[in-house]
Amino acid sequence: MGTVRDRIIAQLNAQFTPLALEVIDESHLHAGHAGARPEGETHFRVILTADAFRGTSRLERHRMVNDALAEELAGPVHALAVKADAPA
């Protein structure tokens, strides 16, 4: 099954075939805040570049990522920061 981070990476790779992908677990920055768990893996930052984002607005790109990660967002992930771009 792997870590939450591993599942996010696998899902984004499968959905978007990104040219660049970075998934950062920022849970340690939110210790003691709402939605944080002692074991972590609740707060993530995703930075990705994919052809799938060509011709889409920032809002559409965020929705696409949120849809791809719906299962994780419904469960272990409390917060997700997204920077999604099309290649230059």
Protein backbone atom coordinates (compact mmCIF):
# COMPACT_ATOMS: atom_id res chain seq x y z
CA MET A 1 0.00 0.00 0.00
CA GLY A 2 2.86 2.40 0.78
CA THR A 3 2.81 5.78 2.41
CA VAL A 4 0.24 8.45 1.63
CA ARG A 5 2.97 10.32 -0.23
CA ASP A 6 3.71 7.22 -2.34
CA ARG A 7 0.01 6.86 -3.20
CA ILE A 8 -0.22 10.55 -4.19
CA ILE A 9 2.83 10.18 -6.46
CA ALA A 10 1.46 7.01 -8.06
CA GLN A 11 -1.97 8.54 -8.67
CA LEU A 12 -0.62 11.77 -10.15
CA ASN A 13 1.81 9.86 -12.38
CA ALA A 14 -1.00 7.61 -13.62
CA GLN A 15 -3.45 10.47 -14.19
CA PHE A 16 -1.20 13.14 -15.70
CA THR A 17 2.13 11.60 -16.80
CA PRO A 18 3.84 14.73 -15.51
CA LEU A 19 7.03 16.15 -16.95
CA ALA A 20 7.94 17.23 -13.40
CA LEU A 21 6.43 16.18 -10.08
CA GLU A 22 7.30 17.04 -6.51
CA VAL A 23 5.24 15.89 -3.52
CA ILE A 24 6.31 17.38 -0.20
CA ASP A 25 4.97 16.20 3.16
CA GLU A 26 4.56 19.39 5.20
CA SER A 27 2.74 17.72 8.09
CA HIS A 28 5.49 18.57 10.56
CA LEU A 29 4.73 22.27 9.98
CA HIS A 30 1.15 21.73 11.18
CA ALA A 31 1.69 19.66 14.34
CA GLY A 32 -1.03 20.49 16.85
CA HIS A 33 -3.29 22.13 14.23
CA ALA A 34 -6.71 20.89 13.17
CA GLY A 35 -6.53 17.77 11.03
CA ALA A 36 -2.94 16.96 12.03
CA ARG A 37 -2.21 13.44 13.27
CA PRO A 38 0.81 12.52 15.39
CA GLU A 39 2.00 10.09 12.69
CA GLY A 40 1.92 12.86 10.07
CA GLU A 41 1.03 12.45 6.40
CA THR A 42 -1.86 14.92 6.58
CA HIS A 43 -0.57 18.08 4.89
CA PHE A 44 1.06 18.01 1.45
CA ARG A 45 2.34 20.39 -1.22
CA VAL A 46 2.21 19.18 -4.83
CA ILE A 47 4.13 20.86 -7.65
CA LEU A 48 3.61 19.40 -11.09
CA THR A 49 3.98 20.22 -14.74
CA ALA A 50 1.98 18.27 -17.30
CA ASP A 51 0.70 18.62 -20.85
CA ALA A 52 -2.79 17.82 -19.51
CA PHE A 53 -2.93 21.37 -18.11
CA ARG A 54 -2.49 23.14 -21.46
CA GLY A 55 -5.33 25.57 -22.12
CA THR A 56 -6.78 25.30 -18.59
CA SER A 57 -7.18 27.93 -15.90
CA ARG A 58 -5.52 27.69 -12.51
CA LEU A 59 -8.88 26.74 -10.99
CA GLU A 60 -9.41 23.97 -13.56
CA ARG A 61 -5.92 22.60 -12.88
CA HIS A 62 -6.58 22.53 -9.13
CA ARG A 63 -9.89 20.77 -9.70
CA MET A 64 -8.19 18.19 -11.92
CA VAL A 65 -5.61 17.44 -9.21
CA ASN A 66 -8.26 17.32 -6.48
CA ASP A 67 -10.35 14.93 -8.59
CA ALA A 68 -7.33 12.69 -9.16
CA LEU A 69 -6.66 12.62 -5.40
CA ALA A 70 -10.30 12.40 -4.24
CA GLU A 71 -9.72 9.21 -2.26
CA GLU A 72 -6.74 10.63 -0.39
CA LEU A 73 -8.55 13.93 0.25
CA ALA A 74 -11.53 12.04 1.67
CA GLY A 75 -9.31 10.15 4.07
CA PRO A 76 -5.81 10.75 5.32
CA VAL A 77 -5.02 14.09 3.63
CA HIS A 78 -6.33 17.12 5.52
CA ALA A 79 -4.73 19.85 3.38
CA LEU A 80 -3.26 19.98 -0.10
CA ALA A 81 -1.41 22.93 -1.63
CA VAL A 82 -1.20 22.69 -5.42
CA LYS A 83 0.98 24.38 -8.01
CA ALA A 84 0.06 22.87 -11.37
CA ASP A 85 1.32 24.25 -14.67
CA ALA A 86 1.54 23.35 -18.34
CA PRO A 87 5.03 23.21 -19.82
CA ALA A 88 6.41 26.52 -21.07
